């Protein structure tokens, strides 16, 4: 992957550019989610497909994280009980 400086090795300026681009993308996603999901009276009701798909993805990831946490706790308890 070629960096903005034309080289394959990033320098501090390239890292700064990438970090700022990611920050702007996250701010845009946050604004979209807040507008579409946060208050149903502001925009579409029900939320548009892109926001609805992202909401489903976030809920799926949160569910998977909770299941992993429960599994880890169960493994700890099983090892203690031995």
Protein backbone atom coordinates (compact mmCIF):
# COMPACT_ATOMS: atom_id res chain seq x y z
CA UNK A 1 0.00 0.00 0.00
CA UNK A 2 1.44 3.34 -1.00
CA UNK A 3 1.27 6.12 1.56
CA UNK A 4 0.45 9.76 0.70
CA UNK A 5 4.20 10.53 0.65
CA UNK A 6 4.63 8.14 -2.30
CA UNK A 7 6.60 5.63 -0.26
CA UNK A 8 5.57 2.30 1.26
CA UNK A 9 6.98 3.25 4.67
CA UNK A 10 4.74 5.69 6.54
CA UNK A 11 6.16 8.73 8.28
CA UNK A 12 4.54 10.82 11.02
CA UNK A 13 2.66 12.97 8.52
CA UNK A 14 1.16 9.89 6.84
CA UNK A 15 0.05 8.47 10.18
CA UNK A 16 -1.50 11.82 11.10
CA UNK A 17 -3.43 11.91 7.81
CA UNK A 18 -4.74 8.36 8.30
CA UNK A 19 -5.73 9.00 11.93
CA UNK A 20 -7.62 12.16 10.94
CA UNK A 21 -9.39 10.34 8.09
CA UNK A 22 -10.48 7.58 10.46
CA UNK A 23 -11.61 10.16 13.02
CA UNK A 24 -13.74 11.93 10.39
CA UNK A 25 -15.24 8.62 9.22
CA UNK A 26 -16.16 7.69 12.79
CA UNK A 27 -17.72 11.11 13.37
CA UNK A 28 -19.77 10.67 10.20
CA UNK A 29 -20.95 7.21 11.29
CA UNK A 30 -21.78 8.52 14.76
CA UNK A 31 -23.82 11.35 13.28
CA UNK A 32 -25.65 9.00 10.93
CA UNK A 33 -26.51 6.59 13.71
CA UNK A 34 -27.61 9.39 16.03
CA UNK A 35 -29.83 10.85 13.32
CA UNK A 36 -31.33 7.56 12.15
CA UNK A 37 -31.57 5.51 15.33
CA UNK A 38 -31.42 7.98 18.21
CA UNK A 39 -34.66 9.90 17.68
CA UNK A 40 -37.29 8.41 15.40
CA UNK A 41 -38.96 11.79 14.84
CA UNK A 42 -35.95 13.39 13.17
CA UNK A 43 -35.57 11.23 10.09
CA UNK A 44 -37.02 8.06 8.66
CA UNK A 45 -39.28 5.86 10.70
CA UNK A 46 -38.42 3.01 10.58
CA UNK A 47 -34.72 3.76 10.07
CA UNK A 48 -33.33 3.49 6.55
CA UNK A 49 -31.72 0.22 5.45
CA UNK A 50 -28.09 1.31 5.98
CA UNK A 51 -28.75 2.46 9.55
CA UNK A 52 -30.89 -0.58 10.28
CA UNK A 53 -28.18 -2.94 9.00
CA UNK A 54 -25.54 -1.19 11.10
CA UNK A 55 -27.77 -1.38 14.17
CA UNK A 56 -28.22 -5.12 13.61
CA UNK A 57 -24.45 -5.56 13.22
CA UNK A 58 -23.77 -3.67 16.45
CA UNK A 59 -26.37 -5.70 18.34
CA UNK A 60 -24.95 -8.96 16.93
CA UNK A 61 -21.43 -7.97 17.97
CA UNK A 62 -22.65 -7.03 21.44
CA UNK A 63 -24.46 -10.38 21.74
CA UNK A 64 -21.34 -12.27 20.66
CA UNK A 65 -19.25 -10.34 23.20
CA UNK A 66 -21.71 -11.20 25.99
CA UNK A 67 -21.66 -14.88 25.02
CA UNK A 68 -17.83 -14.87 25.00
CA UNK A 69 -17.80 -13.23 28.42
CA UNK A 70 -20.23 -15.80 29.82
CA UNK A 71 -18.13 -18.60 28.32
CA UNK A 72 -14.97 -17.19 29.91
CA UNK A 73 -16.67 -16.92 33.29
CA UNK A 74 -17.96 -20.48 32.95
CA UNK A 75 -14.46 -21.73 32.12
CA UNK A 76 -13.02 -19.96 35.16
CA UNK A 77 -15.69 -21.45 37.41
CA UNK A 78 -15.14 -24.94 35.92
CA UNK A 79 -11.39 -24.69 36.58
CA UNK A 80 -11.97 -23.52 40.17
CA UNK A 81 -14.41 -26.39 40.83
CA UNK A 82 -11.90 -29.05 39.78
